[in-house]
Amino acid sequence: MDRLLQIKLAEPHPRRLVSRPRLIELLDRTLDVRLALLSAPPGFGKTSALVDWLAVRKVRSAWVLLDAGDNDVARFIRYLWAAAASLACDGDSPLDGISSGDTEDAIDELAALLEAAPGPSVLVLDDYHTVEAAAVQAAVSRLIDRMPPSVHLAIATRADPTALPIARLRARGDLLEIRADALRFSAEEARRFVAGKVFAFTCADGTRGAGRILDDMGAAGAVLALLVVLLPPPPQPAAARMSAAPAASAARSLSENESATSSAGSWPRSLGVAVSSRPRLSRKTTCIRLRVPP
């Protein structure tokens, strides 16, 4: 393989959907350990968290987006070498510098190359769950042991890499573990995320409209509003059918006999019912502005 796919080496662009200083401060510990492990199911924002942290802290970094093809250890090392070279050689990637075909020797040469990287630097292996080959796991374990102190490894994965020396790193205080509970939105982060979001709706009677989630809702209300935005509509034919427009979110319509316009200090009981139990809505449907007070 002579050519490398640059998309696998390109760091994703920061999205900054919502400011998360709590998570940024947690990731700061990456620079104190050999390995930062972000392990959580898909959709928890592992990649986004790393990208945002690197951008906010302006940490020098290199990225490898892994896939099933990287179970070929020779291919894996070539991408790893290219990423390491970008840290140490300002973008030059001397792949012909790999003088050994032996995996252990190649990793030792790569670790020596990383000694030229200005610190602190972070090497990211994204989608690590896609590689399971024992030779690749052994190569990464060796790299962790031989990396210079100025270089830190960050792994984003959907499942813990059991073949890596996780227990040993944990015992030595050389491991940062960030899991689903830390990546999950807090109530306040959920409020900031949904505030101002636009939604489009189509009622059962064909009425269409759009609205915006108000930004003065409390944190608990924001969690319910987020559920309203993300949950699919009820399957009953009498229920309102929601359709999302480009760059818009969907919000539910509530039945006339169950809904009530909320006021400061009151709670729209029907909103909670609609989210939790998805009741059958009558055909006399009134679309109301979504407002969730504290």
C-alpha atoms as a PDB file:
ATOM      1  CA  MET A   1       0.000   0.000   0.000  1.00  0.00           C
ATOM      2  CA  ASP A   2       1.768   3.139  -1.194  1.00  0.00           C
ATOM      3  CA  ARG A   3      -0.945   5.704  -0.666  1.00  0.00           C
ATOM      4  CA  LEU A   4      -2.529   6.624   2.619  1.00  0.00           C
ATOM      5  CA  LEU A   5      -6.066   7.959   2.824  1.00  0.00           C
ATOM      6  CA  GLN A   6      -5.688  11.460   4.209  1.00  0.00           C
ATOM      7  CA  ILE A   7      -9.247  11.407   5.544  1.00  0.00           C
ATOM      8  CA  LYS A   8      -8.083   8.802   8.085  1.00  0.00           C
ATOM      9  CA  LEU A   9      -5.404  11.201   9.288  1.00  0.00           C
ATOM     10  CA  ALA A  10      -7.513  14.370   9.291  1.00  0.00           C
ATOM     11  CA  GLU A  11      -8.645  15.703  12.649  1.00  0.00           C
ATOM     12  CA  PRO A  12     -12.400  16.418  12.646  1.00  0.00           C
ATOM     13  CA  HIS A  13     -13.461  20.056  12.835  1.00  0.00           C
ATOM     14  CA  PRO A  14     -14.677  21.281  16.234  1.00  0.00           C
ATOM     15  CA  ARG A  15     -18.472  21.590  16.344  1.00  0.00           C
ATOM     16  CA  ARG A  16     -18.867  23.287  19.738  1.00  0.00           C
ATOM     17  CA  LEU A  17     -22.605  22.565  19.855  1.00  0.00           C
ATOM     18  CA  VAL A  18     -22.596  23.517  23.505  1.00  0.00           C
ATOM     19  CA  SER A  19     -19.886  24.714  25.862  1.00  0.00           C
ATOM     20  CA  ARG A  20     -18.854  21.942  28.256  1.00  0.00           C
ATOM     21  CA  PRO A  21     -16.184  23.322  30.606  1.00  0.00           C
ATOM     22  CA  ARG A  22     -16.730  20.400  32.981  1.00  0.00           C
ATOM     23  CA  LEU A  23     -15.603  17.940  30.322  1.00  0.00           C
ATOM     24  CA  ILE A  24     -12.768  20.177  29.122  1.00  0.00           C
ATOM     25  CA  GLU A  25     -11.333  20.299  32.643  1.00  0.00           C
ATOM     26  CA  LEU A  26     -11.662  16.524  32.972  1.00  0.00           C
ATOM     27  CA  LEU A  27      -9.774  15.986  29.715  1.00  0.00           C
ATOM     28  CA  ASP A  28      -6.975  18.253  30.917  1.00  0.00           C
ATOM     29  CA  ARG A  29      -5.710  15.260  32.865  1.00  0.00           C
ATOM     30  CA  THR A  30      -4.784  13.643  29.539  1.00  0.00           C
ATOM     31  CA  LEU A  31      -1.501  15.532  29.746  1.00  0.00           C
ATOM     32  CA  ASP A  32      -0.708  13.877  33.085  1.00  0.00           C
ATOM     33  CA  VAL A  33      -1.094  10.247  31.972  1.00  0.00           C
ATOM     34  CA  ARG A  34       0.122   7.911  29.262  1.00  0.00           C
ATOM     35  CA  LEU A  35      -3.361   6.874  28.121  1.00  0.00           C
ATOM     36  CA  ALA A  36      -6.703   8.652  28.076  1.00  0.00           C
ATOM     37  CA  LEU A  37      -9.477   6.136  27.422  1.00  0.00           C
ATOM     38  CA  LEU A  38     -12.858   7.431  26.271  1.00  0.00           C
ATOM     39  CA  SER A  39     -15.134   4.400  26.309  1.00  0.00           C
ATOM     40  CA  ALA A  40     -18.894   4.693  25.731  1.00  0.00           C
ATOM     41  CA  PRO A  41     -21.628   3.511  23.340  1.00  0.00           C
ATOM     42  CA  PRO A  42     -22.107   5.321  20.024  1.00  0.00           C
ATOM     43  CA  GLY A  43     -23.621   8.776  20.201  1.00  0.00           C
ATOM     44  CA  PHE A  44     -22.093   9.847  23.514  1.00  0.00           C
ATOM     45  CA  GLY A  45     -19.768  12.381  21.880  1.00  0.00           C
ATOM     46  CA  LYS A  46     -16.372  10.776  22.460  1.00  0.00           C
ATOM     47  CA  THR A  47     -14.854  12.202  19.281  1.00  0.00           C
ATOM     48  CA  SER A  48     -16.506  15.595  19.757  1.00  0.00           C
ATOM     49  CA  ALA A  49     -15.193  15.816  23.309  1.00  0.00           C
ATOM     50  CA  LEU A  50     -11.628  15.163  22.185  1.00  0.00           C
ATOM     51  CA  VAL A  51     -11.831  17.543  19.234  1.00  0.00           C
ATOM     52  CA  ASP A  52     -13.295  20.345  21.338  1.00  0.00           C
ATOM     53  CA  TRP A  53     -10.719  19.866  24.084  1.00  0.00           C
ATOM     54  CA  LEU A  54      -7.792  19.909  21.636  1.00  0.00           C
ATOM     55  CA  ALA A  55      -9.165  23.065  20.024  1.00  0.00           C
ATOM     56  CA  VAL A  56      -9.867  24.891  23.290  1.00  0.00           C
ATOM     57  CA  ARG A  57      -6.500  24.017  24.865  1.00  0.00           C
ATOM     58  CA  LYS A  58      -4.611  24.331  21.549  1.00  0.00           C
ATOM     59  CA  VAL A  59      -2.780  21.063  22.168  1.00  0.00           C
ATOM     60  CA  ARG A  60      -0.573  19.741  19.370  1.00  0.00           C
ATOM     61  CA  SER A  61      -2.176  16.542  18.090  1.00  0.00           C
ATOM     62  CA  ALA A  62      -2.301  13.895  15.394  1.00  0.00           C
ATOM     63  CA  TRP A  63      -5.294  11.754  14.506  1.00  0.00           C
ATOM     64  CA  VAL A  64      -5.874   8.259  13.131  1.00  0.00           C
ATOM     65  CA  LEU A  65      -9.438   7.190  12.310  1.00  0.00           C
ATOM     66  CA  LEU A  66      -9.346   3.415  12.467  1.00  0.00           C
ATOM     67  CA  ASP A  67     -11.456   0.898  10.579  1.00  0.00           C
ATOM     68  CA  ALA A  68     -11.585  -2.863  10.102  1.00  0.00           C
ATOM     69  CA  GLY A  69      -8.825  -2.709   7.478  1.00  0.00           C
ATOM     70  CA  ASP A  70      -6.402  -1.651  10.184  1.00  0.00           C
ATOM     71  CA  ASN A  71      -6.471  -5.159  11.622  1.00  0.00           C
ATOM     72  CA  ASP A  72      -3.648  -5.652   9.108  1.00  0.00           C
ATOM     73  CA  VAL A  73      -0.785  -4.708  11.414  1.00  0.00           C
ATOM     74  CA  ALA A  74       1.446  -3.530   8.555  1.00  0.00           C
ATOM     75  CA  ARG A  75      -1.235  -1.102   7.377  1.00  0.00           C
ATOM     76  CA  PHE A  76      -1.923  -0.015  10.962  1.00  0.00           C
ATOM     77  CA  ILE A  77       1.736   0.812  11.564  1.00  0.00           C
ATOM     78  CA  ARG A  78       1.951   2.842   8.363  1.00  0.00           C
ATOM     79  CA  TYR A  79      -0.949   5.050   9.471  1.00  0.00           C
ATOM     80  CA  LEU A  80       0.465   5.238  12.984  1.00  0.00           C
ATOM     81  CA  TRP A  81       3.852   6.237  11.567  1.00  0.00           C
ATOM     82  CA  ALA A  82       2.271   8.933   9.391  1.00  0.00           C
ATOM     83  CA  ALA A  83       0.477  10.394  12.416  1.00  0.00           C
ATOM     84  CA  ALA A  84       3.631  10.268  14.549  1.00  0.00           C
ATOM     85  CA  ALA A  85       5.628  11.928  11.782  1.00  0.00           C
ATOM     86  CA  SER A  86       3.113  14.778  11.615  1.00  0.00           C
ATOM     87  CA  LEU A  87       3.780  15.428  15.295  1.00  0.00           C
ATOM     88  CA  ALA A  88       7.545  15.175  15.040  1.00  0.00           C
ATOM     89  CA  CYS A  89       8.219  16.467  11.535  1.00  0.00           C
ATOM     90  CA  ASP A  90       5.603  19.203  10.984  1.00  0.00           C
ATOM     91  CA  GLY A  91       3.535  17.262   8.496  1.00  0.00           C
ATOM     92  CA  ASP A  92       6.303  15.380   6.662  1.00  0.00           C
ATOM     93  CA  SER A  93       5.576  11.678   6.627  1.00  0.00           C
ATOM     94  CA  PRO A  94       8.771   9.701   5.871  1.00  0.00           C
ATOM     95  CA  LEU A  95       7.130   6.318   5.497  1.00  0.00           C
ATOM     96  CA  ASP A  96      10.328   4.980   4.003  1.00  0.00           C
ATOM     97  CA  GLY A  97      11.839   5.644   7.421  1.00  0.00           C
ATOM     98  CA  ILE A  98      10.319   2.402   8.664  1.00  0.00           C
ATOM     99  CA  SER A  99      13.427   0.306   8.290  1.00  0.00           C
ATOM    100  CA  SER A 100      12.165  -2.859   9.919  1.00  0.00           C
ATOM    101  CA  GLY A 101       9.434  -5.239   8.916  1.00  0.00           C
ATOM    102  CA  ASP A 102       9.291  -6.555  12.458  1.00  0.00           C
ATOM    103  CA  THR A 103       6.395  -5.071  14.411  1.00  0.00           C
ATOM    104  CA  GLU A 104       8.262  -4.601  17.685  1.00  0.00           C
ATOM    105  CA  ASP A 105      11.234  -2.944  15.977  1.00  0.00           C
ATOM    106  CA  ALA A 106       8.893  -0.695  13.970  1.00  0.00           C
ATOM    107  CA  ILE A 107       7.151   0.454  17.164  1.00  0.00           C
ATOM    108  CA  ASP A 108      10.515   1.157  18.800  1.00  0.00           C
ATOM    109  CA  GLU A 109      11.524   3.268  15.793  1.00  0.00           C
ATOM    110  CA  LEU A 110       8.178   5.078  15.977  1.00  0.00           C
ATOM    111  CA  ALA A 111       8.711   5.807  19.683  1.00  0.00           C
ATOM    112  CA  ALA A 112      12.145   7.198  18.869  1.00  0.00           C
ATOM    113  CA  LEU A 113      10.570   9.407  16.196  1.00  0.00           C
ATOM    114  CA  LEU A 114       8.067  10.752  18.743  1.00  0.00           C
ATOM    115  CA  GLU A 115      10.944  11.945  20.934  1.00  0.00           C
ATOM    116  CA  ALA A 116      11.338  14.791  18.438  1.00  0.00           C
ATOM    117  CA  ALA A 117       7.734  15.902  18.924  1.00  0.00           C
ATOM    118  CA  PRO A 118       7.413  19.151  20.871  1.00  0.00           C
ATOM    119  CA  GLY A 119       5.442  18.572  24.019  1.00  0.00           C
ATOM    120  CA  PRO A 120       2.863  18.252  25.106  1.00  0.00           C
ATOM    121  CA  SER A 121       1.443  16.307  22.156  1.00  0.00           C
ATOM    122  CA  VAL A 122      -1.501  13.930  21.867  1.00  0.00           C
ATOM    123  CA  LEU A 123      -1.855  11.003  19.468  1.00  0.00           C
ATOM    124  CA  VAL A 124      -5.526  10.058  19.001  1.00  0.00           C
ATOM    125  CA  LEU A 125      -6.737   6.633  17.886  1.00  0.00           C
ATOM    126  CA  ASP A 126     -10.434   7.011  17.069  1.00  0.00           C
ATOM    127  CA  ASP A 127     -12.918   4.135  16.620  1.00  0.00           C
ATOM    128  CA  TYR A 128     -10.465   1.789  18.313  1.00  0.00           C
ATOM    129  CA  HIS A 129     -13.194  -0.844  18.720  1.00  0.00           C
ATOM    130  CA  THR A 130     -12.837  -1.646  14.994  1.00  0.00           C
ATOM    131  CA  VAL A 131      -9.422  -3.256  15.504  1.00  0.00           C
ATOM    132  CA  GLU A 132      -9.237  -6.562  17.310  1.00  0.00           C
ATOM    133  CA  ALA A 133      -6.170  -8.281  15.837  1.00  0.00           C
ATOM    134  CA  ALA A 134      -3.764  -9.480  18.505  1.00  0.00           C
ATOM    135  CA  ALA A 135      -0.774  -8.089  16.594  1.00  0.00           C
ATOM    136  CA  VAL A 136      -2.319  -4.598  16.559  1.00  0.00           C
ATOM    137  CA  GLN A 137      -3.144  -4.768  20.279  1.00  0.00           C
ATOM    138  CA  ALA A 138       0.429  -5.846  21.022  1.00  0.00           C
ATOM    139  CA  ALA A 139       1.781  -2.972  18.925  1.00  0.00           C
ATOM    140  CA  VAL A 140      -0.314  -0.394  20.812  1.00  0.00           C
ATOM    141  CA  SER A 141       0.649  -1.890  24.175  1.00  0.00           C
ATOM    142  CA  ARG A 142       4.314  -1.613  23.236  1.00  0.00           C
ATOM    143  CA  LEU A 143       3.836   1.958  22.060  1.00  0.00           C
ATOM    144  CA  ILE A 144       2.209   2.927  25.384  1.00  0.00           C
ATOM    145  CA  ASP A 145       5.236   1.569  27.244  1.00  0.00           C
ATOM    146  CA  ARG A 146       7.785   3.299  25.003  1.00  0.00           C
ATOM    147  CA  MET A 147       6.247   6.691  24.258  1.00  0.00           C
ATOM    148  CA  PRO A 148       8.267   9.675  25.510  1.00  0.00           C
ATOM    149  CA  PRO A 149       6.730  11.539  28.500  1.00  0.00           C
ATOM    150  CA  SER A 150       5.850  14.497  26.273  1.00  0.00           C
ATOM    151  CA  VAL A 151       3.494  12.418  24.106  1.00  0.00           C
ATOM    152  CA  HIS A 152       0.151  11.080  25.317  1.00  0.00           C
ATOM    153  CA  LEU A 153      -2.178   8.544  23.711  1.00  0.00           C
ATOM    154  CA  ALA A 154      -5.954   9.081  23.574  1.00  0.00           C
ATOM    155  CA  ILE A 155      -8.233   6.229  22.531  1.00  0.00           C
ATOM    156  CA  ALA A 156     -11.927   6.644  21.667  1.00  0.00           C
ATOM    157  CA  THR A 157     -13.805   3.357  21.591  1.00  0.00           C
ATOM    158  CA  ARG A 158     -17.224   1.782  22.038  1.00  0.00           C
ATOM    159  CA  ALA A 159     -15.810  -1.084  24.097  1.00  0.00           C
ATOM    160  CA  ASP A 160     -12.899  -1.381  26.491  1.00  0.00           C
ATOM    161  CA  PRO A 161      -9.739  -2.696  24.774  1.00  0.00           C
ATOM    162  CA  THR A 162      -9.207  -5.639  27.089  1.00  0.00           C
ATOM    163  CA  ALA A 163      -5.927  -6.626  25.411  1.00  0.00           C
ATOM    164  CA  LEU A 164      -4.267  -3.362  26.464  1.00  0.00           C
ATOM    165  CA  PRO A 165      -2.583  -3.070  29.907  1.00  0.00           C
ATOM    166  CA  ILE A 166      -5.524  -1.120  31.368  1.00  0.00           C
ATOM    167  CA  ALA A 167      -5.254  -2.541  34.899  1.00  0.00           C
ATOM    168  CA  ARG A 168      -1.520  -1.861  35.098  1.00  0.00           C
ATOM    169  CA  LEU A 169      -1.915   1.713  33.867  1.00  0.00           C
ATOM    170  CA  ARG A 170      -4.758   2.286  36.327  1.00  0.00           C
ATOM    171  CA  ALA A 171      -2.680   0.972  39.222  1.00  0.00           C
ATOM    172  CA  ARG A 172       0.189   3.301  38.306  1.00  0.00           C
ATOM    173  CA  GLY A 173      -2.060   6.336  37.969  1.00  0.00           C
ATOM    174  CA  ASP A 174      -1.188   6.500  34.280  1.00  0.00           C
ATOM    175  CA  LEU A 175      -4.747   6.127  32.989  1.00  0.00           C
ATOM    176  CA  LEU A 176      -7.565   8.635  32.523  1.00  0.00           C
ATOM    177  CA  GLU A 177     -10.937   6.910  32.105  1.00  0.00           C
ATOM    178  CA  ILE A 178     -13.872   8.860  30.700  1.00  0.00           C
ATOM    179  CA  ARG A 179     -17.026   6.832  30.361  1.00  0.00           C
ATOM    180  CA  ALA A 180     -20.689   7.345  29.535  1.00  0.00           C
ATOM    181  CA  ASP A 181     -21.565   8.895  32.896  1.00  0.00           C
ATOM    182  CA  ALA A 182     -19.013  11.675  32.351  1.00  0.00           C
ATOM    183  CA  LEU A 183     -19.871  12.183  28.667  1.00  0.00           C
ATOM    184  CA  ARG A 184     -23.616  12.314  29.327  1.00  0.00           C
ATOM    185  CA  PHE A 185     -25.153  15.813  29.266  1.00  0.00           C
ATOM    186  CA  SER A 186     -25.843  17.331  32.649  1.00  0.00           C
ATOM    187  CA  ALA A 187     -29.225  19.027  33.074  1.00  0.00           C
ATOM    188  CA  GLU A 188     -27.626  22.436  32.621  1.00  0.00           C
ATOM    189  CA  GLU A 189     -25.780  21.342  29.462  1.00  0.00           C
ATOM    190  CA  ALA A 190     -29.062  19.943  28.111  1.00  0.00           C
ATOM    191  CA  ARG A 191     -30.733  23.289  28.781  1.00  0.00           C
ATOM    192  CA  ARG A 192     -28.039  25.163  26.867  1.00  0.00           C
ATOM    193  CA  PHE A 193     -28.190  22.629  24.028  1.00  0.00           C
ATOM    194  CA  VAL A 194     -31.940  22.856  23.358  1.00  0.00           C
ATOM    195  CA  ALA A 195     -32.390  26.563  24.119  1.00  0.00           C
ATOM    196  CA  GLY A 196     -33.194  28.452  20.942  1.00  0.00           C
ATOM    197  CA  LYS A 197     -33.660  25.328  18.799  1.00  0.00           C
ATOM    198  CA  VAL A 198     -36.179  25.704  15.982  1.00  0.00           C
ATOM    199  CA  PHE A 199     -38.793  23.022  15.337  1.00  0.00           C
ATOM    200  CA  ALA A 200     -41.302  22.385  12.579  1.00  0.00           C
ATOM    201  CA  PHE A 201     -44.584  20.544  13.114  1.00  0.00           C
ATOM    202  CA  THR A 202     -47.553  19.183  11.204  1.00  0.00           C
ATOM    203  CA  CYS A 203     -50.734  18.571  13.185  1.00  0.00           C
ATOM    204  CA  ALA A 204     -53.233  15.802  12.538  1.00  0.00           C
ATOM    205  CA  ASP A 205     -55.610  18.292  10.924  1.00  0.00           C
ATOM    206  CA  GLY A 206     -52.915  19.323   8.442  1.00  0.00           C
ATOM    207  CA  THR A 207     -51.982  22.560  10.173  1.00  0.00           C
ATOM    208  CA  ARG A 208     -48.300  23.334   9.816  1.00  0.00           C
ATOM    209  CA  GLY A 209     -46.115  25.676  11.755  1.00  0.00           C
ATOM    210  CA  ALA A 210     -42.774  26.344  13.342  1.00  0.00           C
ATOM    211  CA  GLY A 211     -41.583  27.535  16.691  1.00  0.00           C
ATOM    212  CA  ARG A 212     -38.573  27.958  18.896  1.00  0.00           C
ATOM    213  CA  ILE A 213     -37.782  26.479  22.280  1.00  0.00           C
ATOM    214  CA  LEU A 214     -37.538  29.417  24.644  1.00  0.00           C
ATOM    215  CA  ASP A 215     -34.211  30.006  26.320  1.00  0.00           C
ATOM    216  CA  ASP A 216     -35.625  30.911  29.721  1.00  0.00           C
ATOM    217  CA  MET A 217     -36.572  27.376  30.722  1.00  0.00           C
ATOM    218  CA  GLY A 218     -35.118  25.706  33.762  1.00  0.00           C
ATOM    219  CA  ALA A 219     -32.689  22.821  33.670  1.00  0.00           C
ATOM    220  CA  ALA A 220     -35.311  20.152  34.442  1.00  0.00           C
ATOM    221  CA  GLY A 221     -37.586  21.535  31.762  1.00  0.00           C
ATOM    222  CA  ALA A 222     -34.735  21.438  29.276  1.00  0.00           C
ATOM    223  CA  VAL A 223     -34.341  17.708  29.766  1.00  0.00           C
ATOM    224  CA  LEU A 224     -38.010  17.175  28.876  1.00  0.00           C
ATOM    225  CA  ALA A 225     -37.697  19.561  25.952  1.00  0.00           C
ATOM    226  CA  LEU A 226     -34.722  17.571  24.694  1.00  0.00           C
ATOM    227  CA  LEU A 227     -36.824  14.398  24.833  1.00  0.00           C
ATOM    228  CA  VAL A 228     -39.595  16.134  22.910  1.00  0.00           C
ATOM    229  CA  VAL A 229     -37.088  17.117  20.236  1.00  0.00           C
ATOM    230  CA  LEU A 230     -35.395  13.722  19.947  1.00  0.00           C
ATOM    231  CA  LEU A 231     -38.143  11.145  20.504  1.00  0.00           C
ATOM    232  CA  PRO A 232     -40.035   9.854  17.445  1.00  0.00           C
ATOM    233  CA  PRO A 233     -43.761  10.645  17.214  1.00  0.00           C
ATOM    234  CA  PRO A 234     -46.371   8.203  18.591  1.00  0.00           C
ATOM    235  CA  PRO A 235     -47.394   5.449  16.145  1.00  0.00           C
ATOM    236  CA  GLN A 236     -51.169   5.914  16.527  1.00  0.00           C
ATOM    237  CA  PRO A 237     -52.872   7.185  13.357  1.00  0.00           C
ATOM    238  CA  ALA A 238     -54.754   9.823  15.370  1.00  0.00           C
ATOM    239  CA  ALA A 239     -51.554  11.239  16.770  1.00  0.00           C
ATOM    240  CA  ALA A 240     -49.897  14.287  15.326  1.00  0.00           C
ATOM    241  CA  ARG A 241     -47.406  13.431  12.602  1.00  0.00           C
ATOM    242  CA  MET A 242     -44.209  15.371  13.010  1.00  0.00           C
ATOM    243  CA  SER A 243     -41.892  16.242  10.142  1.00  0.00           C
ATOM    244  CA  ALA A 244     -38.427  17.726  10.601  1.00  0.00           C
ATOM    245  CA  ALA A 245     -37.335  20.507   8.253  1.00  0.00           C
ATOM    246  CA  PRO A 246     -33.679  21.117   7.391  1.00  0.00           C
ATOM    247  CA  ALA A 247     -31.796  22.546  10.352  1.00  0.00           C
ATOM    248  CA  ALA A 248     -34.945  22.170  12.451  1.00  0.00           C
ATOM    249  CA  SER A 249     -36.046  19.816  15.197  1.00  0.00           C
ATOM    250  CA  ALA A 250     -39.446  18.244  15.706  1.00  0.00           C
ATOM    251  CA  ALA A 251     -41.701  19.049  18.661  1.00  0.00           C
ATOM    252  CA  ARG A 252     -44.927  17.353  19.678  1.00  0.00           C
ATOM    253  CA  SER A 253     -48.390  18.781  19.426  1.00  0.00           C
ATOM    254  CA  LEU A 254     -50.658  18.223  22.420  1.00  0.00           C
ATOM    255  CA  SER A 255     -54.349  17.483  22.396  1.00  0.00           C
ATOM    256  CA  GLU A 256     -56.770  20.311  23.173  1.00  0.00           C
ATOM    257  CA  ASN A 257     -58.318  18.579  26.144  1.00  0.00           C
ATOM    258  CA  GLU A 258     -54.945  17.715  27.681  1.00  0.00           C
ATOM    259  CA  SER A 259     -52.822  20.774  26.960  1.00  0.00           C
ATOM    260  CA  ALA A 260     -52.630  24.035  28.822  1.00  0.00           C
ATOM    261  CA  THR A 261     -50.523  27.053  28.093  1.00  0.00           C
ATOM    262  CA  SER A 262     -47.932  27.174  30.826  1.00  0.00           C
ATOM    263  CA  SER A 263     -47.236  30.255  32.873  1.00  0.00           C
ATOM    264  CA  ALA A 264     -44.378  31.173  35.158  1.00  0.00           C
ATOM    265  CA  GLY A 265     -44.295  28.838  38.112  1.00  0.00           C
ATOM    266  CA  SER A 266     -46.660  26.269  36.567  1.00  0.00           C
ATOM    267  CA  TRP A 267     -45.820  22.947  34.966  1.00  0.00           C
ATOM    268  CA  PRO A 268     -47.473  21.747  31.732  1.00  0.00           C
ATOM    269  CA  ARG A 269     -48.676  18.366  32.974  1.00  0.00           C
ATOM    270  CA  SER A 270     -49.599  17.258  29.452  1.00  0.00           C
ATOM    271  CA  LEU A 271     -46.010  17.675  28.268  1.00  0.00           C
ATOM    272  CA  GLY A 272     -44.794  15.167  30.821  1.00  0.00           C
ATOM    273  CA  VAL A 273     -47.545  12.751  29.824  1.00  0.00           C
ATOM    274  CA  ALA A 274     -46.792  13.147  26.147  1.00  0.00           C
ATOM    275  CA  VAL A 275     -43.135  12.383  26.649  1.00  0.00           C
ATOM    276  CA  SER A 276     -43.440   9.487  29.063  1.00  0.00           C
ATOM    277  CA  SER A 277     -46.544   7.549  28.058  1.00  0.00           C
ATOM    278  CA  ARG A 278     -47.269   8.817  24.536  1.00  0.00           C
ATOM    279  CA  PRO A 279     -51.084   8.869  24.893  1.00  0.00           C
ATOM    280  CA  ARG A 280     -53.420   8.580  21.955  1.00  0.00           C
ATOM    281  CA  LEU A 281     -54.214  12.130  20.885  1.00  0.00           C
ATOM    282  CA  SER A 282     -57.644  13.200  19.765  1.00  0.00           C
ATOM    283  CA  ARG A 283     -58.252  14.560  16.283  1.00  0.00           C
ATOM    284  CA  LYS A 284     -59.113  17.909  17.865  1.00  0.00           C
ATOM    285  CA  THR A 285     -55.487  18.816  18.081  1.00  0.00           C
ATOM    286  CA  THR A 286     -54.163  22.213  18.962  1.00  0.00           C
ATOM    287  CA  CYS A 287     -50.508  22.990  18.325  1.00  0.00           C
ATOM    288  CA  ILE A 288     -49.141  25.049  21.157  1.00  0.00           C
ATOM    289  CA  ARG A 289     -45.929  26.940  21.662  1.00  0.00           C
ATOM    290  CA  LEU A 290     -43.516  24.848  23.698  1.00  0.00           C
ATOM    291  CA  ARG A 291     -42.593  26.651  26.875  1.00  0.00           C
ATOM    292  CA  VAL A 292     -41.110  24.829  29.827  1.00  0.00           C
ATOM    293  CA  PRO A 293     -40.757  27.006  32.913  1.00  0.00           C
ATOM    294  CA  PRO A 294     -38.272  26.251  35.718  1.00  0.00           C
END
